[in-house]
């Protein structure tokens, strides 16, 4: 029997945006709880804090766009041996997921790196 592999969508969204039915499973990928939002208001299904960048890398990056490419490289290196990334990938078997993050910068944050890596692993 030949079957087509099911491919689920990976989305990213700020944790401060309201939950939507299209989000699927909502997974917070920050090591630190985002400021100013309660757990109830966040509407998360899973908090995978271990998949976030190390404290040292997070502090070094400081959400400085000039450090983005180096951050991506270092973070991808951290993810190579991170069991939490494997766990994150396994979440795709049940349907779409939305990676939630707290950063203000929508283009330069760990959820962008994670989504890219998950999409490449699934293609």
Protein backbone atom coordinates (compact mmCIF):
# COMPACT_ATOMS: atom_id res chain seq x y z
CA UNK A 1 0.00 0.00 0.00
CA UNK A 2 1.39 3.37 -0.94
CA UNK A 3 0.31 6.41 0.93
CA UNK A 4 1.12 10.04 0.84
CA UNK A 5 2.81 11.40 3.95
CA UNK A 6 0.62 13.81 5.86
CA UNK A 7 2.19 17.25 6.08
CA UNK A 8 1.00 19.56 8.75
CA UNK A 9 1.47 23.27 8.90
CA UNK A 10 3.80 25.08 11.27
CA UNK A 11 2.75 28.62 12.16
CA UNK A 12 4.33 31.23 14.39
CA UNK A 13 2.55 33.86 16.45
CA UNK A 14 3.20 36.20 19.33
CA UNK A 15 1.79 34.74 22.54
CA UNK A 16 -0.04 38.04 23.11
CA UNK A 17 -2.23 37.53 20.01
CA UNK A 18 -5.58 35.85 20.63
CA UNK A 19 -5.90 32.13 20.05
CA UNK A 20 -7.69 31.02 16.89
CA UNK A 21 -9.14 27.67 15.87
CA UNK A 22 -6.67 27.52 12.95
CA UNK A 23 -3.74 27.59 15.41
CA UNK A 24 -4.01 23.89 16.12
CA UNK A 25 -1.81 22.96 19.08
CA UNK A 26 -0.33 26.13 20.62
CA UNK A 27 3.23 25.59 21.86
CA UNK A 28 5.20 28.21 23.78
CA UNK A 29 8.89 27.99 22.78
CA UNK A 30 10.37 30.57 25.19
CA UNK A 31 12.52 29.52 28.14
CA UNK A 32 11.04 32.35 30.20
CA UNK A 33 7.35 32.99 30.71
CA UNK A 34 6.34 36.10 28.70
CA UNK A 35 5.74 39.23 30.76
CA UNK A 36 2.28 40.55 31.41
CA UNK A 37 0.21 37.56 30.32
CA UNK A 38 -1.45 34.96 32.50
CA UNK A 39 -1.31 31.27 31.69
CA UNK A 40 -5.06 31.30 31.11
CA UNK A 41 -4.89 34.24 28.71
CA UNK A 42 -1.98 32.69 26.78
CA UNK A 43 -4.11 29.70 25.83
CA UNK A 44 -1.15 27.37 25.41
CA UNK A 45 -1.38 23.61 25.07
CA UNK A 46 2.28 22.92 25.78
CA UNK A 47 5.24 24.89 27.12
CA UNK A 48 8.47 23.45 25.71
CA UNK A 49 10.90 25.76 27.46
CA UNK A 50 13.84 23.41 26.85
CA UNK A 51 13.59 23.99 23.09
CA UNK A 52 14.34 27.70 23.53
CA UNK A 53 17.87 29.05 23.10
CA UNK A 54 20.25 28.65 26.01
CA UNK A 55 20.39 31.48 28.52
CA UNK A 56 23.86 32.41 27.30
CA UNK A 57 22.77 32.56 23.64
CA UNK A 58 19.57 34.44 24.45
CA UNK A 59 21.47 37.08 26.42
CA UNK A 60 24.17 37.41 23.76
CA UNK A 61 21.60 37.86 20.98
CA UNK A 62 19.51 40.41 22.84
CA UNK A 63 17.17 40.55 19.81
CA UNK A 64 19.74 42.63 17.91
CA UNK A 65 18.98 42.21 14.18
CA UNK A 66 22.69 42.70 13.37
CA UNK A 67 23.39 39.45 15.27
CA UNK A 68 20.60 37.50 13.58
CA UNK A 69 22.62 35.33 11.19
CA UNK A 70 25.10 34.36 13.91
CA UNK A 71 22.22 33.69 16.31
CA UNK A 72 20.56 31.39 13.74
CA UNK A 73 23.79 29.48 13.28
CA UNK A 74 24.47 29.08 17.01
CA UNK A 75 20.87 28.21 17.81
CA UNK A 76 20.71 25.58 15.06
CA UNK A 77 23.87 24.05 16.56
CA UNK A 78 22.16 23.90 19.96
CA UNK A 79 19.10 22.25 18.44
CA UNK A 80 21.14 19.47 16.82
CA UNK A 81 21.42 17.58 20.11
CA UNK A 82 18.30 18.88 21.83
CA UNK A 83 15.70 16.19 22.70
CA UNK A 84 13.08 18.94 23.11
CA UNK A 85 13.38 19.69 19.39
CA UNK A 86 12.60 16.05 18.63
CA UNK A 87 9.60 16.31 20.94
CA UNK A 88 8.50 19.45 19.12
CA UNK A 89 8.71 17.65 15.77
CA UNK A 90 6.58 14.83 17.13
CA UNK A 91 3.79 17.33 17.84
CA UNK A 92 3.28 17.65 14.08
CA UNK A 93 1.86 14.14 13.86
CA UNK A 94 -1.43 15.29 15.38
CA UNK A 95 -2.10 18.29 13.16
CA UNK A 96 -1.06 21.90 12.71
CA UNK A 97 0.95 23.64 15.41
CA UNK A 98 1.56 27.26 16.25
CA UNK A 99 4.86 28.20 17.84
CA UNK A 100 4.30 30.98 20.35
CA UNK A 101 6.97 33.50 21.38
CA UNK A 102 7.03 36.66 23.44
CA UNK A 103 9.56 38.81 21.54
CA UNK A 104 8.46 42.10 19.94
CA UNK A 105 10.45 41.42 16.77
CA UNK A 106 8.40 39.12 14.55
CA UNK A 107 11.26 38.43 12.11
CA UNK A 108 14.16 37.82 14.52
CA UNK A 109 13.23 35.29 17.21
CA UNK A 110 13.68 31.62 18.01
CA UNK A 111 10.24 30.63 16.69
CA UNK A 112 11.34 31.68 13.19
CA UNK A 113 14.39 29.40 13.43
CA UNK A 114 12.33 26.52 14.82
CA UNK A 115 9.64 26.83 12.14
CA UNK A 116 12.26 26.88 9.37
CA UNK A 117 13.99 23.84 10.80
CA UNK A 118 10.73 21.91 11.24
CA UNK A 119 9.63 22.72 7.68
CA UNK A 120 12.98 21.55 6.27
CA UNK A 121 12.86 18.35 8.34
CA UNK A 122 9.35 17.57 7.04
CA UNK A 123 10.06 18.24 3.34
